[in-house]
Amino acid sequence: MLTIVLQQAQEGGGWMAFLPLILLFIVFYFFFIRPQTKRQKQEKNFQDTINKGARVVTTSGIHGKVAEVTDDGVIVETMAGKIKFEKSAISRELSVARYPENAPAK
């Protein structure tokens, strides 16, 4: 009698076996996938709206000031001279707290 009850309990919970996998996928989505896509969208938006005079850092770590913006890239002025980069190579803008002259005009 006991074996019959256990077999029925195992047969009825077939979809319950997938519940941990579903929960794992949901956790991965909200903690890893969604924030990464949000960061990518922000970076792409920044690269599209970059303007002349902004202090930037490239993905390779070069700091400089945008001297010119072209259709296919930007020319960054560094201490060593001017270097042309693709827009996708610009990682982020330096903070206004570090460079107050980057603050928008009031």
PDB file of N, CA and C in Angstrom:
ATOM      1  N   MET A   1       0.818  -1.185   0.000  1.00  0.00           N
ATOM      2  CA  MET A   1       0.000   0.000   0.000  1.00  0.00           C
ATOM      3  C   MET A   1       0.872   1.264   0.000  1.00  0.00           C
ATOM      4  N   LEU A   2       1.952   1.262   0.765  1.00  0.00           N
ATOM      5  CA  LEU A   2       2.828   2.416   0.860  1.00  0.00           C
ATOM      6  C   LEU A   2       3.532   2.696  -0.473  1.00  0.00           C
ATOM      7  N   THR A   3       3.928   1.665  -1.172  1.00  0.00           N
ATOM      8  CA  THR A   3       4.595   1.868  -2.454  1.00  0.00           C
ATOM      9  C   THR A   3       3.646   2.449  -3.495  1.00  0.00           C
ATOM     10  N   ILE A   4       2.407   2.122  -3.443  1.00  0.00           N
ATOM     11  CA  ILE A   4       1.421   2.659  -4.390  1.00  0.00           C
ATOM     12  C   ILE A   4       1.236   4.159  -4.154  1.00  0.00           C
ATOM     13  N   VAL A   5       1.187   4.589  -2.918  1.00  0.00           N
ATOM     14  CA  VAL A   5       1.012   6.002  -2.594  1.00  0.00           C
ATOM     15  C   VAL A   5       2.231   6.795  -3.037  1.00  0.00           C
ATOM     16  N   LEU A   6       3.432   6.289  -2.835  1.00  0.00           N
ATOM     17  CA  LEU A   6       4.646   6.982  -3.248  1.00  0.00           C
ATOM     18  C   LEU A   6       4.732   7.099  -4.764  1.00  0.00           C
ATOM     19  N   GLN A   7       4.326   6.055  -5.477  1.00  0.00           N
ATOM     20  CA  GLN A   7       4.357   6.108  -6.933  1.00  0.00           C
ATOM     21  C   GLN A   7       3.373   7.149  -7.457  1.00  0.00           C
ATOM     22  N   GLN A   8       2.226   7.252  -6.863  1.00  0.00           N
ATOM     23  CA  GLN A   8       1.245   8.235  -7.298  1.00  0.00           C
ATOM     24  C   GLN A   8       1.735   9.653  -7.023  1.00  0.00           C
ATOM     25  N   ALA A   9       2.406   9.851  -5.911  1.00  0.00           N
ATOM     26  CA  ALA A   9       2.918  11.178  -5.578  1.00  0.00           C
ATOM     27  C   ALA A   9       4.009  11.604  -6.565  1.00  0.00           C
ATOM     28  N   GLN A  10       4.848  10.663  -6.978  1.00  0.00           N
ATOM     29  CA  GLN A  10       5.907  10.999  -7.923  1.00  0.00           C
ATOM     30  C   GLN A  10       5.351  11.256  -9.321  1.00  0.00           C
ATOM     31  N   GLU A  11       4.339  10.561  -9.729  1.00  0.00           N
ATOM     32  CA  GLU A  11       3.770  10.744 -11.055  1.00  0.00           C
ATOM     33  C   GLU A  11       3.035  12.074 -11.165  1.00  0.00           C
ATOM     34  N   GLY A  12       2.399  12.515 -10.128  1.00  0.00           N
ATOM     35  CA  GLY A  12       1.611  13.741 -10.157  1.00  0.00           C
ATOM     36  C   GLY A  12       2.460  14.998 -10.167  1.00  0.00           C
ATOM     37  N   GLY A  13       3.699  14.969  -9.758  1.00  0.00           N
ATOM     38  CA  GLY A  13       4.532  16.173  -9.656  1.00  0.00           C
ATOM     39  C   GLY A  13       5.533  16.300 -10.776  1.00  0.00           C
ATOM     40  N   GLY A  14       5.221  15.910 -11.975  1.00  0.00           N
ATOM     41  CA  GLY A  14       6.147  15.976 -13.100  1.00  0.00           C
ATOM     42  C   GLY A  14       6.582  17.390 -13.434  1.00  0.00           C
ATOM     43  N   TRP A  15       5.672  18.328 -13.423  1.00  0.00           N
ATOM     44  CA  TRP A  15       6.008  19.714 -13.737  1.00  0.00           C
ATOM     45  C   TRP A  15       6.766  20.381 -12.605  1.00  0.00           C
ATOM     46  N   MET A  16       6.635  19.834 -11.410  1.00  0.00           N
ATOM     47  CA  MET A  16       7.345  20.390 -10.254  1.00  0.00           C
ATOM     48  C   MET A  16       8.859  20.158 -10.366  1.00  0.00           C
ATOM     49  N   ALA A  17       9.262  19.180 -11.148  1.00  0.00           N
ATOM     50  CA  ALA A  17      10.687  18.912 -11.324  1.00  0.00           C
ATOM     51  C   ALA A  17      11.356  20.046 -12.112  1.00  0.00           C
ATOM     52  N   PHE A  18      10.594  20.746 -12.951  1.00  0.00           N
ATOM     53  CA  PHE A  18      11.147  21.839 -13.746  1.00  0.00           C
ATOM     54  C   PHE A  18      11.110  23.179 -13.027  1.00  0.00           C
ATOM     55  N   LEU A  19      10.432  23.250 -11.910  1.00  0.00           N
ATOM     56  CA  LEU A  19      10.304  24.500 -11.166  1.00  0.00           C
ATOM     57  C   LEU A  19      11.655  25.080 -10.739  1.00  0.00           C
ATOM     58  N   PRO A  20      12.596  24.302 -10.213  1.00  0.00           N
ATOM     59  CA  PRO A  20      13.905  24.882  -9.872  1.00  0.00           C
ATOM     60  C   PRO A  20      14.648  25.436 -11.086  1.00  0.00           C
ATOM     61  N   LEU A  21      14.536  24.786 -12.223  1.00  0.00           N
ATOM     62  CA  LEU A  21      15.184  25.288 -13.437  1.00  0.00           C
ATOM     63  C   LEU A  21      14.556  26.595 -13.901  1.00  0.00           C
ATOM     64  N   ILE A  22      13.247  26.690 -13.805  1.00  0.00           N
ATOM     65  CA  ILE A  22      12.560  27.916 -14.183  1.00  0.00           C
ATOM     66  C   ILE A  22      12.962  29.046 -13.249  1.00  0.00           C
ATOM     67  N   LEU A  23      13.000  28.790 -11.961  1.00  0.00           N
ATOM     68  CA  LEU A  23      13.409  29.802 -10.991  1.00  0.00           C
ATOM     69  C   LEU A  23      14.859  30.227 -11.210  1.00  0.00           C
ATOM     70  N   LEU A  24      15.719  29.295 -11.537  1.00  0.00           N
ATOM     71  CA  LEU A  24      17.117  29.602 -11.818  1.00  0.00           C
ATOM     72  C   LEU A  24      17.244  30.527 -13.032  1.00  0.00           C
ATOM     73  N   PHE A  25      16.476  30.246 -14.077  1.00  0.00           N
ATOM     74  CA  PHE A  25      16.488  31.096 -15.263  1.00  0.00           C
ATOM     75  C   PHE A  25      16.003  32.503 -14.928  1.00  0.00           C
ATOM     76  N   ILE A  26      14.955  32.614 -14.123  1.00  0.00           N
ATOM     77  CA  ILE A  26      14.425  33.927 -13.734  1.00  0.00           C
ATOM     78  C   ILE A  26      15.468  34.711 -12.943  1.00  0.00           C
ATOM     79  N   VAL A  27      16.164  34.058 -12.030  1.00  0.00           N
ATOM     80  CA  VAL A  27      17.207  34.726 -11.244  1.00  0.00           C
ATOM     81  C   VAL A  27      18.334  35.203 -12.156  1.00  0.00           C
ATOM     82  N   PHE A  28      18.792  34.357 -13.077  1.00  0.00           N
ATOM     83  CA  PHE A  28      19.847  34.750 -14.009  1.00  0.00           C
ATOM     84  C   PHE A  28      19.416  35.933 -14.863  1.00  0.00           C
ATOM     85  N   TYR A  29      18.163  35.920 -15.297  1.00  0.00           N
ATOM     86  CA  TYR A  29      17.681  37.009 -16.137  1.00  0.00           C
ATOM     87  C   TYR A  29      17.705  38.333 -15.384  1.00  0.00           C
ATOM     88  N   PHE A  30      17.153  38.378 -14.193  1.00  0.00           N
ATOM     89  CA  PHE A  30      17.045  39.642 -13.471  1.00  0.00           C
ATOM     90  C   PHE A  30      18.355  40.114 -12.850  1.00  0.00           C
ATOM     91  N   PHE A  31      19.290  39.216 -12.561  1.00  0.00           N
ATOM     92  CA  PHE A  31      20.536  39.630 -11.931  1.00  0.00           C
ATOM     93  C   PHE A  31      21.720  39.730 -12.881  1.00  0.00           C
ATOM     94  N   PHE A  32      21.646  39.100 -14.047  1.00  0.00           N
ATOM     95  CA  PHE A  32      22.792  39.109 -14.956  1.00  0.00           C
ATOM     96  C   PHE A  32      22.452  39.648 -16.347  1.00  0.00           C
ATOM     97  N   ILE A  33      21.441  39.106 -16.978  1.00  0.00           N
ATOM     98  CA  ILE A  33      21.149  39.445 -18.365  1.00  0.00           C
ATOM     99  C   ILE A  33      20.547  40.847 -18.487  1.00  0.00           C
ATOM    100  N   ARG A  34      19.538  41.159 -17.700  1.00  0.00           N
ATOM    101  CA  ARG A  34      18.858  42.450 -17.796  1.00  0.00           C
ATOM    102  C   ARG A  34      19.777  43.634 -17.478  1.00  0.00           C
ATOM    103  N   PRO A  35      20.555  43.597 -16.385  1.00  0.00           N
ATOM    104  CA  PRO A  35      21.467  44.731 -16.133  1.00  0.00           C
ATOM    105  C   PRO A  35      22.518  44.915 -17.222  1.00  0.00           C
ATOM    106  N   GLN A  36      23.002  43.822 -17.788  1.00  0.00           N
ATOM    107  CA  GLN A  36      24.008  43.921 -18.842  1.00  0.00           C
ATOM    108  C   GLN A  36      23.433  44.577 -20.089  1.00  0.00           C
ATOM    109  N   THR A  37      22.226  44.202 -20.489  1.00  0.00           N
ATOM    110  CA  THR A  37      21.620  44.829 -21.660  1.00  0.00           C
ATOM    111  C   THR A  37      21.310  46.295 -21.396  1.00  0.00           C
ATOM    112  N   LYS A  38      20.952  46.627 -20.164  1.00  0.00           N
ATOM    113  CA  LYS A  38      20.701  48.024 -19.811  1.00  0.00           C
ATOM    114  C   LYS A  38      21.982  48.848 -19.938  1.00  0.00           C
ATOM    115  N   ARG A  39      23.103  48.311 -19.440  1.00  0.00           N
ATOM    116  CA  ARG A  39      24.389  48.995 -19.565  1.00  0.00           C
ATOM    117  C   ARG A  39      24.790  49.172 -21.030  1.00  0.00           C
ATOM    118  N   GLN A  40      24.547  48.145 -21.853  1.00  0.00           N
ATOM    119  CA  GLN A  40      24.886  48.223 -23.270  1.00  0.00           C
ATOM    120  C   GLN A  40      24.078  49.310 -23.973  1.00  0.00           C
ATOM    121  N   LYS A  41      22.800  49.430 -23.632  1.00  0.00           N
ATOM    122  CA  LYS A  41      21.961  50.466 -24.226  1.00  0.00           C
ATOM    123  C   LYS A  41      22.440  51.854 -23.811  1.00  0.00           C
ATOM    124  N   GLN A  42      22.810  52.010 -22.543  1.00  0.00           N
ATOM    125  CA  GLN A  42      23.309  53.300 -22.066  1.00  0.00           C
ATOM    126  C   GLN A  42      24.606  53.674 -22.771  1.00  0.00           C
ATOM    127  N   GLU A  43      25.512  52.713 -22.933  1.00  0.00           N
ATOM    128  CA  GLU A  43      26.784  52.979 -23.595  1.00  0.00           C
ATOM    129  C   GLU A  43      26.567  53.328 -25.062  1.00  0.00           C
ATOM    130  N   LYS A  44      25.668  52.628 -25.730  1.00  0.00           N
ATOM    131  CA  LYS A  44      25.369  52.906 -27.137  1.00  0.00           C
ATOM    132  C   LYS A  44      24.770  54.302 -27.276  1.00  0.00           C
ATOM    133  N   ASN A  45      23.868  54.671 -26.376  1.00  0.00           N
ATOM    134  CA  ASN A  45      23.266  56.002 -26.395  1.00  0.00           C
ATOM    135  C   ASN A  45      24.337  57.079 -26.182  1.00  0.00           C
ATOM    136  N   PHE A  46      25.246  56.835 -25.256  1.00  0.00           N
ATOM    137  CA  PHE A  46      26.341  57.783 -25.012  1.00  0.00           C
ATOM    138  C   PHE A  46      27.200  57.942 -26.259  1.00  0.00           C
ATOM    139  N   GLN A  47      27.540  56.832 -26.904  1.00  0.00           N
ATOM    140  CA  GLN A  47      28.385  56.886 -28.095  1.00  0.00           C
ATOM    141  C   GLN A  47      27.699  57.634 -29.233  1.00  0.00           C
ATOM    142  N   ASP A  48      26.389  57.527 -29.323  1.00  0.00           N
ATOM    143  CA  ASP A  48      25.659  58.223 -30.378  1.00  0.00           C
ATOM    144  C   ASP A  48      25.542  59.720 -30.112  1.00  0.00           C
ATOM    145  N   THR A  49      25.543  60.120 -28.832  1.00  0.00           N
ATOM    146  CA  THR A  49      25.336  61.528 -28.493  1.00  0.00           C
ATOM    147  C   THR A  49      26.615  62.231 -28.057  1.00  0.00           C
ATOM    148  N   ILE A  50      27.758  61.634 -28.324  1.00  0.00           N
ATOM    149  CA  ILE A  50      29.031  62.238 -27.910  1.00  0.00           C
ATOM    150  C   ILE A  50      29.235  63.548 -28.674  1.00  0.00           C
ATOM    151  N   ASN A  51      29.791  64.546 -27.999  1.00  0.00           N
ATOM    152  CA  ASN A  51      29.962  65.843 -28.647  1.00  0.00           C
ATOM    153  C   ASN A  51      31.376  66.374 -28.438  1.00  0.00           C
ATOM    154  N   LYS A  52      31.685  67.402 -29.204  1.00  0.00           N
ATOM    155  CA  LYS A  52      33.012  68.009 -29.171  1.00  0.00           C
ATOM    156  C   LYS A  52      33.260  68.646 -27.803  1.00  0.00           C
ATOM    157  N   GLY A  53      34.458  68.456 -27.271  1.00  0.00           N
ATOM    158  CA  GLY A  53      34.841  69.049 -25.995  1.00  0.00           C
ATOM    159  C   GLY A  53      34.644  68.145 -24.791  1.00  0.00           C
ATOM    160  N   ALA A  54      34.021  67.009 -24.975  1.00  0.00           N
ATOM    161  CA  ALA A  54      33.794  66.098 -23.851  1.00  0.00           C
ATOM    162  C   ALA A  54      35.085  65.367 -23.502  1.00  0.00           C
ATOM    163  N   ARG A  55      35.345  65.223 -22.223  1.00  0.00           N
ATOM    164  CA  ARG A  55      36.500  64.431 -21.771  1.00  0.00           C
ATOM    165  C   ARG A  55      36.047  62.987 -21.650  1.00  0.00           C
ATOM    166  N   VAL A  56      36.767  62.086 -22.325  1.00  0.00           N
ATOM    167  CA  VAL A  56      36.348  60.695 -22.423  1.00  0.00           C
ATOM    168  C   VAL A  56      37.492  59.748 -22.085  1.00  0.00           C
ATOM    169  N   VAL A  57      37.117  58.495 -21.879  1.00  0.00           N
ATOM    170  CA  VAL A  57      38.067  57.404 -21.693  1.00  0.00           C
ATOM    171  C   VAL A  57      37.721  56.344 -22.726  1.00  0.00           C
ATOM    172  N   THR A  58      38.727  55.836 -23.426  1.00  0.00           N
ATOM    173  CA  THR A  58      38.490  54.786 -24.413  1.00  0.00           C
ATOM    174  C   THR A  58      38.471  53.428 -23.728  1.00  0.00           C
ATOM    175  N   THR A  59      38.067  52.413 -24.475  1.00  0.00           N
ATOM    176  CA  THR A  59      38.042  51.061 -23.915  1.00  0.00           C
ATOM    177  C   THR A  59      39.446  50.560 -23.597  1.00  0.00           C
ATOM    178  N   SER A  60      40.458  51.133 -24.233  1.00  0.00           N
ATOM    179  CA  SER A  60      41.838  50.736 -23.943  1.00  0.00           C
ATOM    180  C   SER A  60      42.459  51.564 -22.826  1.00  0.00           C
ATOM    181  N   GLY A  61      41.689  52.514 -22.265  1.00  0.00           N
ATOM    182  CA  GLY A  61      42.165  53.264 -21.118  1.00  0.00           C
ATOM    183  C   GLY A  61      42.819  54.593 -21.437  1.00  0.00           C
ATOM    184  N   ILE A  62      42.721  55.051 -22.662  1.00  0.00           N
ATOM    185  CA  ILE A  62      43.322  56.333 -23.046  1.00  0.00           C
ATOM    186  C   ILE A  62      42.362  57.462 -22.671  1.00  0.00           C
ATOM    187  N   HIS A  63      42.873  58.442 -21.923  1.00  0.00           N
ATOM    188  CA  HIS A  63      42.088  59.603 -21.517  1.00  0.00           C
ATOM    189  C   HIS A  63      42.350  60.731 -22.497  1.00  0.00           C
ATOM    190  N   GLY A  64      41.302  61.476 -22.826  1.00  0.00           N
ATOM    191  CA  GLY A  64      41.484  62.601 -23.720  1.00  0.00           C
ATOM    192  C   GLY A  64      40.234  63.435 -23.853  1.00  0.00           C
ATOM    193  N   LYS A  65      40.326  64.428 -24.714  1.00  0.00           N
ATOM    194  CA  LYS A  65      39.228  65.349 -24.958  1.00  0.00           C
ATOM    195  C   LYS A  65      38.836  65.216 -26.420  1.00  0.00           C
ATOM    196  N   VAL A  66      37.545  65.141 -26.698  1.00  0.00           N
ATOM    197  CA  VAL A  66      37.070  64.987 -28.068  1.00  0.00           C
ATOM    198  C   VAL A  66      37.319  66.288 -28.818  1.00  0.00           C
ATOM    199  N   ALA A  67      38.137  66.212 -29.863  1.00  0.00           N
ATOM    200  CA  ALA A  67      38.474  67.387 -30.656  1.00  0.00           C
ATOM    201  C   ALA A  67      37.532  67.538 -31.846  1.00  0.00           C
ATOM    202  N   GLU A  68      37.063  66.395 -32.386  1.00  0.00           N
ATOM    203  CA  GLU A  68      36.199  66.445 -33.568  1.00  0.00           C
ATOM    204  C   GLU A  68      35.365  65.173 -33.618  1.00  0.00           C
ATOM    205  N   VAL A  69      34.123  65.312 -34.056  1.00  0.00           N
ATOM    206  CA  VAL A  69      33.231  64.165 -34.223  1.00  0.00           C
ATOM    207  C   VAL A  69      32.921  64.025 -35.699  1.00  0.00           C
ATOM    208  N   THR A  70      33.190  62.848 -36.254  1.00  0.00           N
ATOM    209  CA  THR A  70      32.886  62.569 -37.661  1.00  0.00           C
ATOM    210  C   THR A  70      31.815  61.494 -37.723  1.00  0.00           C
ATOM    211  N   ASP A  71      31.387  61.149 -38.940  1.00  0.00           N
ATOM    212  CA  ASP A  71      30.355  60.125 -39.100  1.00  0.00           C
ATOM    213  C   ASP A  71      30.823  58.758 -38.624  1.00  0.00           C
ATOM    214  N   ASP A  72      32.065  58.428 -38.930  1.00  0.00           N
ATOM    215  CA  ASP A  72      32.564  57.089 -38.619  1.00  0.00           C
ATOM    216  C   ASP A  72      33.406  57.010 -37.354  1.00  0.00           C
ATOM    217  N   GLY A  73      33.684  58.121 -36.702  1.00  0.00           N
ATOM    218  CA  GLY A  73      34.505  58.054 -35.495  1.00  0.00           C
ATOM    219  C   GLY A  73      34.677  59.404 -34.840  1.00  0.00           C
ATOM    220  N   VAL A  74      35.620  59.453 -33.929  1.00  0.00           N
ATOM    221  CA  VAL A  74      35.939  60.700 -33.231  1.00  0.00           C
ATOM    222  C   VAL A  74      37.448  60.876 -33.207  1.00  0.00           C
ATOM    223  N   ILE A  75      37.885  62.123 -33.137  1.00  0.00           N
ATOM    224  CA  ILE A  75      39.301  62.419 -32.978  1.00  0.00           C
ATOM    225  C   ILE A  75      39.475  62.895 -31.545  1.00  0.00           C
ATOM    226  N   VAL A  76      40.292  62.167 -30.799  1.00  0.00           N
ATOM    227  CA  VAL A  76      40.511  62.444 -29.387  1.00  0.00           C
ATOM    228  C   VAL A  76      41.877  63.089 -29.229  1.00  0.00           C
ATOM    229  N   GLU A  77      41.907  64.206 -28.542  1.00  0.00           N
ATOM    230  CA  GLU A  77      43.158  64.913 -28.280  1.00  0.00           C
ATOM    231  C   GLU A  77      43.691  64.442 -26.933  1.00  0.00           C
ATOM    232  N   THR A  78      44.903  63.877 -26.953  1.00  0.00           N
ATOM    233  CA  THR A  78      45.553  63.403 -25.731  1.00  0.00           C
ATOM    234  C   THR A  78      46.821  64.224 -25.517  1.00  0.00           C
ATOM    235  N   MET A  79      47.544  63.917 -24.459  1.00  0.00           N
ATOM    236  CA  MET A  79      48.803  64.605 -24.196  1.00  0.00           C
ATOM    237  C   MET A  79      49.835  64.307 -25.291  1.00  0.00           C
ATOM    238  N   ALA A  80      49.689  63.159 -25.950  1.00  0.00           N
ATOM    239  CA  ALA A  80      50.630  62.764 -26.991  1.00  0.00           C
ATOM    240  C   ALA A  80      50.260  63.300 -28.364  1.00  0.00           C
ATOM    241  N   GLY A  81      49.059  63.820 -28.511  1.00  0.00           N
ATOM    242  CA  GLY A  81      48.613  64.323 -29.806  1.00  0.00           C
ATOM    243  C   GLY A  81      47.183  63.898 -30.069  1.00  0.00           C
ATOM    244  N   LYS A  82      46.773  64.003 -31.323  1.00  0.00           N
ATOM    245  CA  LYS A  82      45.411  63.641 -31.709  1.00  0.00           C
ATOM    246  C   LYS A  82      45.381  62.234 -32.283  1.00  0.00           C
ATOM    247  N   ILE A  83      44.394  61.464 -31.858  1.00  0.00           N
ATOM    248  CA  ILE A  83      44.255  60.081 -32.294  1.00  0.00           C
ATOM    249  C   ILE A  83      42.817  59.867 -32.742  1.00  0.00           C
ATOM    250  N   LYS A  84      42.617  59.165 -33.867  1.00  0.00           N
ATOM    251  CA  LYS A  84      41.279  58.876 -34.356  1.00  0.00           C
ATOM    252  C   LYS A  84      40.819  57.523 -33.814  1.00  0.00           C
ATOM    253  N   PHE A  85      39.599  57.503 -33.273  1.00  0.00           N
ATOM    254  CA  PHE A  85      39.004  56.283 -32.729  1.00  0.00           C
ATOM    255  C   PHE A  85      37.633  56.066 -33.347  1.00  0.00           C
ATOM    256  N   GLU A  86      37.211  54.822 -33.382  1.00  0.00           N
ATOM    257  CA  GLU A  86      35.832  54.511 -33.714  1.00  0.00           C
ATOM    258  C   GLU A  86      34.962  54.943 -32.538  1.00  0.00           C
ATOM    259  N   LYS A  87      33.706  55.279 -32.795  1.00  0.00           N
ATOM    260  CA  LYS A  87      32.823  55.681 -31.704  1.00  0.00           C
ATOM    261  C   LYS A  87      32.624  54.543 -30.704  1.00  0.00           C
ATOM    262  N   SER A  88      32.668  53.325 -31.177  1.00  0.00           N
ATOM    263  CA  SER A  88      32.473  52.181 -30.286  1.00  0.00           C
ATOM    264  C   SER A  88      33.649  51.986 -29.332  1.00  0.00           C
ATOM    265  N   ALA A  89      34.785  52.637 -29.611  1.00  0.00           N
ATOM    266  CA  ALA A  89      35.953  52.517 -28.738  1.00  0.00           C
ATOM    267  C   ALA A  89      35.892  53.481 -27.561  1.00  0.00           C
ATOM    268  N   ILE A  90      34.937  54.415 -27.576  1.00  0.00           N
ATOM    269  CA  ILE A  90      34.788  55.350 -26.465  1.00  0.00           C
ATOM    270  C   ILE A  90      33.953  54.657 -25.395  1.00  0.00           C
ATOM    271  N   SER A  91      34.530  54.510 -24.224  1.00  0.00           N
ATOM    272  CA  SER A  91      33.875  53.765 -23.160  1.00  0.00           C
ATOM    273  C   SER A  91      32.956  54.620 -22.311  1.00  0.00           C
ATOM    274  N   ARG A  92      33.475  55.736 -21.804  1.00  0.00           N
ATOM    275  CA  ARG A  92      32.655  56.559 -20.911  1.00  0.00           C
ATOM    276  C   ARG A  92      33.194  57.972 -20.872  1.00  0.00           C
ATOM    277  N   GLU A  93      32.367  58.866 -20.350  1.00  0.00           N
ATOM    278  CA  GLU A  93      32.761  60.254 -20.174  1.00  0.00           C
ATOM    279  C   GLU A  93      33.286  60.415 -18.763  1.00  0.00           C
ATOM    280  N   LEU A  94      34.324  61.237 -18.614  1.00  0.00           N
ATOM    281  CA  LEU A  94      34.860  61.477 -17.275  1.00  0.00           C
ATOM    282  C   LEU A  94      33.885  62.325 -16.481  1.00  0.00           C
ATOM    283  N   SER A  95      33.871  62.138 -15.201  1.00  0.00           N
ATOM    284  CA  SER A  95      32.873  62.785 -14.357  1.00  0.00           C
ATOM    285  C   SER A  95      33.081  64.293 -14.267  1.00  0.00           C
ATOM    286  N   VAL A  96      31.985  64.990 -14.039  1.00  0.00           N
ATOM    287  CA  VAL A  96      32.027  66.432 -13.876  1.00  0.00           C
ATOM    288  C   VAL A  96      32.695  66.791 -12.556  1.00  0.00           C
ATOM    289  N   ALA A  97      32.573  65.928 -11.559  1.00  0.00           N
ATOM    290  CA  ALA A  97      33.202  66.187 -10.264  1.00  0.00           C
ATOM    291  C   ALA A  97      34.718  66.247 -10.405  1.00  0.00           C
ATOM    292  N   ARG A  98      35.278  65.434 -11.274  1.00  0.00           N
ATOM    293  CA  ARG A  98      36.724  65.414 -11.469  1.00  0.00           C
ATOM    294  C   ARG A  98      37.179  66.544 -12.379  1.00  0.00           C
ATOM    295  N   TYR A  99      36.358  66.885 -13.366  1.00  0.00           N
ATOM    296  CA  TYR A  99      36.684  67.946 -14.309  1.00  0.00           C
ATOM    297  C   TYR A  99      35.525  68.955 -14.330  1.00  0.00           C
ATOM    298  N   PRO A 100      35.541  69.945 -13.450  1.00  0.00           N
ATOM    299  CA  PRO A 100      34.438  70.921 -13.378  1.00  0.00           C
ATOM    300  C   PRO A 100      34.213  71.691 -14.673  1.00  0.00           C
ATOM    301  N   GLU A 101      35.219  71.830 -15.504  1.00  0.00           N
ATOM    302  CA  GLU A 101      35.049  72.553 -16.763  1.00  0.00           C
ATOM    303  C   GLU A 101      34.151  71.803 -17.730  1.00  0.00           C
ATOM    304  N   ASN A 102      33.845  70.522 -17.445  1.00  0.00           N
ATOM    305  CA  ASN A 102      32.931  69.735 -18.269  1.00  0.00           C
ATOM    306  C   ASN A 102      31.474  69.989 -17.912  1.00  0.00           C
ATOM    307  N   ALA A 103      31.227  70.727 -16.852  1.00  0.00           N
ATOM    308  CA  ALA A 103      29.864  70.981 -16.398  1.00  0.00           C
ATOM    309  C   ALA A 103      29.120  71.798 -17.451  1.00  0.00           C
ATOM    310  N   PRO A 104      27.830  71.482 -17.648  1.00  0.00           N
ATOM    311  CA  PRO A 104      27.060  72.245 -18.639  1.00  0.00           C
ATOM    312  C   PRO A 104      26.917  73.707 -18.195  1.00  0.00           C
ATOM    313  N   ALA A 105      26.824  74.597 -19.170  1.00  0.00           N
ATOM    314  CA  ALA A 105      26.696  76.031 -18.878  1.00  0.00           C
ATOM    315  C   ALA A 105      25.371  76.304 -18.174  1.00  0.00           C
ATOM    316  N   LYS A 106      25.406  77.184 -17.183  1.00  0.00           N
ATOM    317  CA  LYS A 106      24.186  77.485 -16.417  1.00  0.00           C
ATOM    318  C   LYS A 106      23.552  78.768 -16.877  1.00  0.00           C
TER     319      LYS A 106
END
